[in-house]
Amino acid sequence: MKEKGLMVVKSNKLIEASYRLSIQEQQLVLSCIAQIDSRKDISKQDEFRITAKDFSMLANVPIKNAYRDLKEASECLFERRLTFKSPSSDKLLVSRWVSSVEYSEKEGCVELCFAQKILPLISQIKSHFTQYNIENIANLTSIHAIRIYEICLQYLTIGSREIGVEELKKCLGIENQYSEFKDLNKRVLKPAVDQINKHTDIKINLTTIRENRKIKSLKFEIESKKPRHHKLSNQKINKELTSISKYLDQSLH
């Protein structure tokens, strides 16, 4: 696997799912999703492979650590679950991430198969999806930074997103933690936002929204770090075309 240029494509239902994975488990899952052509069908028998060398390059860790991290991630991943809305209805589904995962000590690699219920969220995706280059999250070490990056990236074209504090905590799998906002901000939000702004292709600014003096919602203002190309409005285009037409008419007469 060559990580350079690989795109992660996820259904927005998966972006909004409730789960918690370690940073190594997230990197393992994303490196496998990045191998999928999201326009095509895959089955629960399809295996995805990542080596310690691949993992070292993706996670920016020494190869020795990559063997250890990859093994630990593979051992834990089979037990991980997520909750999400069914692609065909609003019913809540609970599923494992993978149906099988195998670590080869000799080869230093992991082979896994995604669970049946996960497949519609990572393959044959026609609409309502989010995609990004896997390199954009390579330097994120906060376990929540990748999730908040994805949650914000969905709204990049809109430029902002408001989300309830409890809703965000549920997405991050920490709904029973950080009852005090100051603790949530210190341990989750600020480290994640700082890393996203430093290491990814987007920049976000976080503000709080109060209700009866209590912080109830968060507002993320989101912008791309890439320079925007100036686009003319239709009105300006028509004005320019009219001006050019008049100039040509004068020149011909």
C-alpha atoms as a PDB file:
ATOM      1  CA  MET A   1       0.000   0.000   0.000  1.00  0.00           C
ATOM      2  CA  LYS A   2       1.271   3.441  -0.924  1.00  0.00           C
ATOM      3  CA  GLU A   3      -0.294   5.968   1.415  1.00  0.00           C
ATOM      4  CA  LYS A   4       0.527   9.002  -0.695  1.00  0.00           C
ATOM      5  CA  GLY A   5      -2.557  10.206  -2.533  1.00  0.00           C
ATOM      6  CA  LEU A   6      -4.916   7.682  -0.942  1.00  0.00           C
ATOM      7  CA  MET A   7      -8.389   9.068  -0.347  1.00  0.00           C
ATOM      8  CA  VAL A   8     -10.616   8.204   2.583  1.00  0.00           C
ATOM      9  CA  VAL A   9     -14.277   8.222   1.505  1.00  0.00           C
ATOM     10  CA  LYS A  10     -17.004   7.750   4.101  1.00  0.00           C
ATOM     11  CA  SER A  11     -20.766   8.025   4.132  1.00  0.00           C
ATOM     12  CA  ASN A  12     -21.816  10.939   6.312  1.00  0.00           C
ATOM     13  CA  LYS A  13     -23.761   8.442   8.412  1.00  0.00           C
ATOM     14  CA  LEU A  14     -20.418   6.914   9.366  1.00  0.00           C
ATOM     15  CA  ILE A  15     -18.960  10.371  10.059  1.00  0.00           C
ATOM     16  CA  GLU A  16     -21.853  11.006  12.467  1.00  0.00           C
ATOM     17  CA  ALA A  17     -21.739   7.554  14.082  1.00  0.00           C
ATOM     18  CA  SER A  18     -21.108   7.131  17.778  1.00  0.00           C
ATOM     19  CA  TYR A  19     -17.887   5.279  18.560  1.00  0.00           C
ATOM     20  CA  ARG A  20     -14.493   5.582  20.181  1.00  0.00           C
ATOM     21  CA  LEU A  21     -11.273   4.120  18.828  1.00  0.00           C
ATOM     22  CA  SER A  22      -7.678   4.646  19.857  1.00  0.00           C
ATOM     23  CA  ILE A  23      -5.556   6.702  17.479  1.00  0.00           C
ATOM     24  CA  GLN A  24      -3.849   3.495  16.255  1.00  0.00           C
ATOM     25  CA  GLU A  25      -7.185   1.779  15.681  1.00  0.00           C
ATOM     26  CA  GLN A  26      -8.452   4.791  13.742  1.00  0.00           C
ATOM     27  CA  GLN A  27      -5.321   4.807  11.597  1.00  0.00           C
ATOM     28  CA  LEU A  28      -5.708   1.092  10.892  1.00  0.00           C
ATOM     29  CA  VAL A  29      -9.372   1.459   9.911  1.00  0.00           C
ATOM     30  CA  LEU A  30      -8.750   4.541   7.759  1.00  0.00           C
ATOM     31  CA  SER A  31      -5.768   2.991   5.972  1.00  0.00           C
ATOM     32  CA  CYS A  32      -8.016   0.085   4.959  1.00  0.00           C
ATOM     33  CA  ILE A  33     -10.939   2.315   3.936  1.00  0.00           C
ATOM     34  CA  ALA A  34      -8.502   4.322   1.795  1.00  0.00           C
ATOM     35  CA  GLN A  35      -7.813   1.169  -0.235  1.00  0.00           C
ATOM     36  CA  ILE A  36     -11.470   0.926  -1.291  1.00  0.00           C
ATOM     37  CA  ASP A  37     -12.888   2.359  -4.477  1.00  0.00           C
ATOM     38  CA  SER A  38     -15.993   3.823  -2.841  1.00  0.00           C
ATOM     39  CA  ARG A  39     -17.933   3.681  -6.136  1.00  0.00           C
ATOM     40  CA  LYS A  40     -17.644  -0.087  -6.351  1.00  0.00           C
ATOM     41  CA  ASP A  41     -19.163  -2.913  -4.377  1.00  0.00           C
ATOM     42  CA  ILE A  42     -17.222  -4.896  -1.792  1.00  0.00           C
ATOM     43  CA  SER A  43     -18.248  -7.929   0.221  1.00  0.00           C
ATOM     44  CA  LYS A  44     -17.638  -9.131   3.747  1.00  0.00           C
ATOM     45  CA  GLN A  45     -15.132 -11.608   2.255  1.00  0.00           C
ATOM     46  CA  ASP A  46     -12.901  -8.878   0.816  1.00  0.00           C
ATOM     47  CA  GLU A  47      -9.677  -8.594   2.823  1.00  0.00           C
ATOM     48  CA  PHE A  48      -7.655  -5.429   3.328  1.00  0.00           C
ATOM     49  CA  ARG A  49      -3.997  -5.591   4.214  1.00  0.00           C
ATOM     50  CA  ILE A  50      -1.623  -3.165   5.863  1.00  0.00           C
ATOM     51  CA  THR A  51       2.001  -3.838   6.809  1.00  0.00           C
ATOM     52  CA  ALA A  52       4.045  -2.389   9.638  1.00  0.00           C
ATOM     53  CA  LYS A  53       6.016  -0.456   7.011  1.00  0.00           C
ATOM     54  CA  ASP A  54       2.798   1.080   5.656  1.00  0.00           C
ATOM     55  CA  PHE A  55       1.659   1.846   9.190  1.00  0.00           C
ATOM     56  CA  SER A  56       5.004   3.456  10.038  1.00  0.00           C
ATOM     57  CA  MET A  57       4.695   5.813   7.072  1.00  0.00           C
ATOM     58  CA  LEU A  58       1.039   6.600   7.762  1.00  0.00           C
ATOM     59  CA  ALA A  59       1.416   7.249  11.487  1.00  0.00           C
ATOM     60  CA  ASN A  60       4.864   8.858  11.269  1.00  0.00           C
ATOM     61  CA  VAL A  61       6.280   6.470  13.868  1.00  0.00           C
ATOM     62  CA  PRO A  62       9.523   4.428  13.888  1.00  0.00           C
ATOM     63  CA  ILE A  63       9.170   1.009  12.295  1.00  0.00           C
ATOM     64  CA  LYS A  64       9.820  -0.691  15.659  1.00  0.00           C
ATOM     65  CA  ASN A  65       6.853   1.136  17.207  1.00  0.00           C
ATOM     66  CA  ALA A  66       4.741   0.417  14.136  1.00  0.00           C
ATOM     67  CA  TYR A  67       4.983  -3.358  14.699  1.00  0.00           C
ATOM     68  CA  ARG A  68       3.847  -2.920  18.305  1.00  0.00           C
ATOM     69  CA  ASP A  69       1.065  -0.410  17.542  1.00  0.00           C
ATOM     70  CA  LEU A  70      -0.283  -2.413  14.618  1.00  0.00           C
ATOM     71  CA  LYS A  71      -0.431  -5.593  16.694  1.00  0.00           C
ATOM     72  CA  GLU A  72      -2.185  -3.839  19.595  1.00  0.00           C
ATOM     73  CA  ALA A  73      -4.672  -2.141  17.266  1.00  0.00           C
ATOM     74  CA  SER A  74      -5.527  -5.426  15.562  1.00  0.00           C
ATOM     75  CA  GLU A  75      -6.055  -7.180  18.902  1.00  0.00           C
ATOM     76  CA  CYS A  76      -8.510  -4.530  20.119  1.00  0.00           C
ATOM     77  CA  LEU A  77     -10.345  -3.682  16.907  1.00  0.00           C
ATOM     78  CA  PHE A  78     -12.461  -6.840  16.767  1.00  0.00           C
ATOM     79  CA  GLU A  79     -14.177  -5.886  20.031  1.00  0.00           C
ATOM     80  CA  ARG A  80     -14.957  -2.305  18.975  1.00  0.00           C
ATOM     81  CA  ARG A  81     -18.539  -1.329  18.183  1.00  0.00           C
ATOM     82  CA  LEU A  82     -20.258   1.671  16.680  1.00  0.00           C
ATOM     83  CA  THR A  83     -23.823   2.972  16.619  1.00  0.00           C
ATOM     84  CA  PHE A  84     -25.214   4.657  13.513  1.00  0.00           C
ATOM     85  CA  LYS A  85     -28.413   5.289  11.572  1.00  0.00           C
ATOM     86  CA  SER A  86     -29.266   2.688   8.985  1.00  0.00           C
ATOM     87  CA  PRO A  87     -28.608   3.860   5.384  1.00  0.00           C
ATOM     88  CA  SER A  88     -32.105   2.706   4.432  1.00  0.00           C
ATOM     89  CA  SER A  89     -34.006   4.030   7.455  1.00  0.00           C
ATOM     90  CA  ASP A  90     -33.672   6.075  10.610  1.00  0.00           C
ATOM     91  CA  LYS A  91     -33.272   2.996  12.787  1.00  0.00           C
ATOM     92  CA  LEU A  92     -30.211   2.876  14.994  1.00  0.00           C
ATOM     93  CA  LEU A  93     -27.850  -0.010  14.309  1.00  0.00           C
ATOM     94  CA  VAL A  94     -25.077  -1.349  16.502  1.00  0.00           C
ATOM     95  CA  SER A  95     -22.317  -3.178  14.671  1.00  0.00           C
ATOM     96  CA  ARG A  96     -18.756  -4.310  15.031  1.00  0.00           C
ATOM     97  CA  TRP A  97     -16.243  -2.630  12.753  1.00  0.00           C
ATOM     98  CA  VAL A  98     -14.801  -5.884  11.414  1.00  0.00           C
ATOM     99  CA  SER A  99     -15.927  -9.465  10.988  1.00  0.00           C
ATOM    100  CA  SER A 100     -12.364 -10.762  11.194  1.00  0.00           C
ATOM    101  CA  VAL A 101      -8.888  -9.427  11.838  1.00  0.00           C
ATOM    102  CA  GLU A 102      -5.628 -11.348  11.650  1.00  0.00           C
ATOM    103  CA  TYR A 103      -2.131 -10.224  12.632  1.00  0.00           C
ATOM    104  CA  SER A 104       0.846 -12.071  11.168  1.00  0.00           C
ATOM    105  CA  GLU A 105       3.838 -11.863  13.489  1.00  0.00           C
ATOM    106  CA  LYS A 106       6.134 -13.257  10.812  1.00  0.00           C
ATOM    107  CA  GLU A 107       5.095 -10.830   8.072  1.00  0.00           C
ATOM    108  CA  GLY A 108       4.312  -7.912  10.367  1.00  0.00           C
ATOM    109  CA  CYS A 109       0.971  -7.197   8.748  1.00  0.00           C
ATOM    110  CA  VAL A 110      -2.755  -7.107   9.455  1.00  0.00           C
ATOM    111  CA  GLU A 111      -5.508  -8.472   7.232  1.00  0.00           C
ATOM    112  CA  LEU A 112      -9.106  -7.614   8.042  1.00  0.00           C
ATOM    113  CA  CYS A 113     -12.627  -7.863   6.673  1.00  0.00           C
ATOM    114  CA  PHE A 114     -15.218  -5.198   7.416  1.00  0.00           C
ATOM    115  CA  ALA A 115     -18.508  -6.202   9.028  1.00  0.00           C
ATOM    116  CA  GLN A 116     -21.526  -6.620   6.737  1.00  0.00           C
ATOM    117  CA  LYS A 117     -23.436  -3.645   8.184  1.00  0.00           C
ATOM    118  CA  ILE A 118     -20.464  -1.321   7.622  1.00  0.00           C
ATOM    119  CA  LEU A 119     -20.133  -2.035   3.900  1.00  0.00           C
ATOM    120  CA  PRO A 120     -22.870   0.396   2.670  1.00  0.00           C
ATOM    121  CA  LEU A 121     -21.057   3.203   4.512  1.00  0.00           C
ATOM    122  CA  ILE A 122     -17.726   2.681   2.726  1.00  0.00           C
ATOM    123  CA  SER A 123     -18.649   1.257  -0.690  1.00  0.00           C
ATOM    124  CA  GLN A 124     -21.068   2.022  -3.545  1.00  0.00           C
ATOM    125  CA  ILE A 125     -21.474   5.522  -2.143  1.00  0.00           C
ATOM    126  CA  LYS A 126     -23.395   7.764  -4.526  1.00  0.00           C
ATOM    127  CA  SER A 127     -24.154  10.807  -2.367  1.00  0.00           C
ATOM    128  CA  HIS A 128     -23.881  12.353   1.099  1.00  0.00           C
ATOM    129  CA  PHE A 129     -20.265  11.450   1.683  1.00  0.00           C
ATOM    130  CA  THR A 130     -17.072  13.103   2.861  1.00  0.00           C
ATOM    131  CA  GLN A 131     -13.632  12.479   1.399  1.00  0.00           C
ATOM    132  CA  TYR A 132     -10.099  13.577   2.201  1.00  0.00           C
ATOM    133  CA  ASN A 133      -6.497  12.612   1.548  1.00  0.00           C
ATOM    134  CA  ILE A 134      -5.272  10.277   4.257  1.00  0.00           C
ATOM    135  CA  GLU A 135      -2.083  12.360   4.529  1.00  0.00           C
ATOM    136  CA  ASN A 136      -4.170  15.161   6.056  1.00  0.00           C
ATOM    137  CA  ILE A 137      -4.602  13.252   9.317  1.00  0.00           C
ATOM    138  CA  ALA A 138      -1.165  11.587   9.463  1.00  0.00           C
ATOM    139  CA  ASN A 139       0.190  13.886  12.187  1.00  0.00           C
ATOM    140  CA  LEU A 140      -2.858  13.893  14.460  1.00  0.00           C
ATOM    141  CA  THR A 141      -2.183  12.197  17.789  1.00  0.00           C
ATOM    142  CA  SER A 142      -5.257  13.244  19.785  1.00  0.00           C
ATOM    143  CA  ILE A 143      -7.789  10.392  19.734  1.00  0.00           C
ATOM    144  CA  HIS A 144     -10.545  12.960  19.147  1.00  0.00           C
ATOM    145  CA  ALA A 145      -8.801  15.126  16.531  1.00  0.00           C
ATOM    146  CA  ILE A 146      -9.542  12.836  13.572  1.00  0.00           C
ATOM    147  CA  ARG A 147     -13.232  12.616  14.521  1.00  0.00           C
ATOM    148  CA  ILE A 148     -13.617  16.382  14.963  1.00  0.00           C
ATOM    149  CA  TYR A 149     -11.707  16.938  11.700  1.00  0.00           C
ATOM    150  CA  GLU A 150     -14.200  14.724   9.840  1.00  0.00           C
ATOM    151  CA  ILE A 151     -17.217  16.209  11.610  1.00  0.00           C
ATOM    152  CA  CYS A 152     -16.117  19.709  10.557  1.00  0.00           C
ATOM    153  CA  LEU A 153     -14.931  18.746   7.069  1.00  0.00           C
ATOM    154  CA  GLN A 154     -18.499  17.800   6.130  1.00  0.00           C
ATOM    155  CA  TYR A 155     -19.444  21.470   6.471  1.00  0.00           C
ATOM    156  CA  LEU A 156     -16.419  23.025   4.763  1.00  0.00           C
ATOM    157  CA  THR A 157     -18.436  24.365   1.829  1.00  0.00           C
ATOM    158  CA  ILE A 158     -20.983  25.878   4.224  1.00  0.00           C
ATOM    159  CA  GLY A 159     -18.233  27.406   6.344  1.00  0.00           C
ATOM    160  CA  SER A 160     -19.590  26.643   9.808  1.00  0.00           C
ATOM    161  CA  ARG A 161     -21.320  24.032  11.885  1.00  0.00           C
ATOM    162  CA  GLU A 162     -23.290  24.185  15.111  1.00  0.00           C
ATOM    163  CA  ILE A 163     -23.548  21.050  17.202  1.00  0.00           C
ATOM    164  CA  GLY A 164     -24.871  20.408  20.678  1.00  0.00           C
ATOM    165  CA  VAL A 165     -22.295  19.615  23.343  1.00  0.00           C
ATOM    166  CA  GLU A 166     -24.045  16.353  24.235  1.00  0.00           C
ATOM    167  CA  GLU A 167     -24.430  15.405  20.576  1.00  0.00           C
ATOM    168  CA  LEU A 168     -20.708  15.878  19.980  1.00  0.00           C
ATOM    169  CA  LYS A 169     -19.828  13.906  23.102  1.00  0.00           C
ATOM    170  CA  LYS A 170     -22.053  11.087  21.865  1.00  0.00           C
ATOM    171  CA  CYS A 171     -20.292  11.050  18.485  1.00  0.00           C
ATOM    172  CA  LEU A 172     -16.938  10.868  20.256  1.00  0.00           C
ATOM    173  CA  GLY A 173     -18.072   8.056  22.522  1.00  0.00           C
ATOM    174  CA  ILE A 174     -17.580  10.116  25.694  1.00  0.00           C
ATOM    175  CA  GLU A 175     -21.207  10.864  26.593  1.00  0.00           C
ATOM    176  CA  ASN A 176     -20.663   9.756  30.190  1.00  0.00           C
ATOM    177  CA  GLN A 177     -17.518  11.813  30.711  1.00  0.00           C
ATOM    178  CA  TYR A 178     -16.585  15.477  31.206  1.00  0.00           C
ATOM    179  CA  SER A 179     -19.725  16.747  32.884  1.00  0.00           C
ATOM    180  CA  GLU A 180     -17.956  20.099  33.319  1.00  0.00           C
ATOM    181  CA  PHE A 181     -17.388  21.966  30.056  1.00  0.00           C
ATOM    182  CA  LYS A 182     -14.025  23.301  31.245  1.00  0.00           C
ATOM    183  CA  ASP A 183     -12.761  19.706  31.463  1.00  0.00           C
ATOM    184  CA  LEU A 184     -14.175  18.832  28.042  1.00  0.00           C
ATOM    185  CA  ASN A 185     -12.533  21.911  26.561  1.00  0.00           C
ATOM    186  CA  LYS A 186      -9.177  21.298  28.227  1.00  0.00           C
ATOM    187  CA  ARG A 187      -8.881  17.574  27.530  1.00  0.00           C
ATOM    188  CA  VAL A 188     -10.792  17.121  24.271  1.00  0.00           C
ATOM    189  CA  LEU A 189     -11.669  20.250  22.307  1.00  0.00           C
ATOM    190  CA  LYS A 190      -8.610  22.458  22.654  1.00  0.00           C
ATOM    191  CA  PRO A 191      -6.010  19.728  21.934  1.00  0.00           C
ATOM    192  CA  ALA A 192      -8.027  18.540  18.925  1.00  0.00           C
ATOM    193  CA  VAL A 193      -8.557  22.036  17.480  1.00  0.00           C
ATOM    194  CA  ASP A 194      -4.896  22.942  17.985  1.00  0.00           C
ATOM    195  CA  GLN A 195      -3.733  19.809  16.172  1.00  0.00           C
ATOM    196  CA  ILE A 196      -6.235  20.230  13.340  1.00  0.00           C
ATOM    197  CA  ASN A 197      -5.152  23.830  12.790  1.00  0.00           C
ATOM    198  CA  LYS A 198      -1.474  22.906  12.868  1.00  0.00           C
ATOM    199  CA  HIS A 199      -1.387  19.669  10.900  1.00  0.00           C
ATOM    200  CA  THR A 200      -4.364  19.424   8.527  1.00  0.00           C
ATOM    201  CA  ASP A 201      -5.627  21.193   5.414  1.00  0.00           C
ATOM    202  CA  ILE A 202      -8.388  23.083   7.250  1.00  0.00           C
ATOM    203  CA  LYS A 203      -8.542  25.690   9.971  1.00  0.00           C
ATOM    204  CA  ILE A 204     -11.315  25.831  12.534  1.00  0.00           C
ATOM    205  CA  ASN A 205     -12.330  28.393  15.125  1.00  0.00           C
ATOM    206  CA  LEU A 206     -14.459  27.253  18.045  1.00  0.00           C
ATOM    207  CA  THR A 207     -16.953  29.401  19.916  1.00  0.00           C
ATOM    208  CA  THR A 208     -19.554  28.466  22.512  1.00  0.00           C
ATOM    209  CA  ILE A 209     -23.300  29.102  22.556  1.00  0.00           C
ATOM    210  CA  ARG A 210     -24.975  29.533  25.929  1.00  0.00           C
ATOM    211  CA  GLU A 211     -28.511  28.853  27.030  1.00  0.00           C
ATOM    212  CA  ASN A 212     -29.544  30.046  30.489  1.00  0.00           C
ATOM    213  CA  ARG A 213     -25.872  30.734  31.261  1.00  0.00           C
ATOM    214  CA  LYS A 214     -24.895  27.145  30.472  1.00  0.00           C
ATOM    215  CA  ILE A 215     -22.906  26.160  27.387  1.00  0.00           C
ATOM    216  CA  LYS A 216     -25.266  24.042  25.310  1.00  0.00           C
ATOM    217  CA  SER A 217     -23.815  24.162  21.803  1.00  0.00           C
ATOM    218  CA  LEU A 218     -20.581  24.688  19.930  1.00  0.00           C
ATOM    219  CA  LYS A 219     -20.002  26.581  16.716  1.00  0.00           C
ATOM    220  CA  PHE A 220     -17.123  25.572  14.488  1.00  0.00           C
ATOM    221  CA  GLU A 221     -16.117  28.089  11.819  1.00  0.00           C
ATOM    222  CA  ILE A 222     -14.325  26.147   9.119  1.00  0.00           C
ATOM    223  CA  GLU A 223     -12.105  27.262   6.256  1.00  0.00           C
ATOM    224  CA  SER A 224      -9.665  25.647   3.882  1.00  0.00           C
ATOM    225  CA  LYS A 225      -5.987  26.521   4.121  1.00  0.00           C
ATOM    226  CA  LYS A 226      -5.755  26.232   0.348  1.00  0.00           C
ATOM    227  CA  PRO A 227      -5.979  29.569  -1.481  1.00  0.00           C
ATOM    228  CA  ARG A 228      -9.394  30.123  -2.964  1.00  0.00           C
ATOM    229  CA  HIS A 229      -9.684  30.898  -6.626  1.00  0.00           C
ATOM    230  CA  HIS A 230     -11.665  34.057  -7.268  1.00  0.00           C
ATOM    231  CA  LYS A 231     -14.956  33.297  -8.972  1.00  0.00           C
ATOM    232  CA  LEU A 232     -17.024  35.861 -10.798  1.00  0.00           C
ATOM    233  CA  SER A 233     -20.744  35.976 -10.114  1.00  0.00           C
ATOM    234  CA  ASN A 234     -23.139  35.510 -13.050  1.00  0.00           C
ATOM    235  CA  GLN A 235     -23.960  39.229 -12.863  1.00  0.00           C
ATOM    236  CA  LYS A 236     -20.290  40.188 -13.152  1.00  0.00           C
ATOM    237  CA  ILE A 237     -19.757  37.695 -15.962  1.00  0.00           C
ATOM    238  CA  ASN A 238     -22.693  39.172 -17.926  1.00  0.00           C
ATOM    239  CA  LYS A 239     -21.361  42.681 -17.304  1.00  0.00           C
ATOM    240  CA  GLU A 240     -17.928  41.691 -18.589  1.00  0.00           C
ATOM    241  CA  LEU A 241     -19.444  40.011 -21.671  1.00  0.00           C
ATOM    242  CA  THR A 242     -21.566  43.111 -22.415  1.00  0.00           C
ATOM    243  CA  SER A 243     -18.510  45.323 -22.117  1.00  0.00           C
ATOM    244  CA  ILE A 244     -16.510  43.097 -24.465  1.00  0.00           C
ATOM    245  CA  SER A 245     -19.391  43.013 -26.953  1.00  0.00           C
ATOM    246  CA  LYS A 246     -19.641  46.807 -26.995  1.00  0.00           C
ATOM    247  CA  TYR A 247     -15.891  47.094 -27.504  1.00  0.00           C
ATOM    248  CA  LEU A 248     -16.010  44.698 -30.456  1.00  0.00           C
ATOM    249  CA  ASP A 249     -18.977  46.554 -32.014  1.00  0.00           C
ATOM    250  CA  GLN A 250     -17.099  49.882 -31.750  1.00  0.00           C
ATOM    251  CA  SER A 251     -13.965  48.348 -33.210  1.00  0.00           C
ATOM    252  CA  LEU A 252     -15.819  46.950 -36.204  1.00  0.00           C
ATOM    253  CA  HIS A 253     -17.505  50.272 -36.953  1.00  0.00           C
END
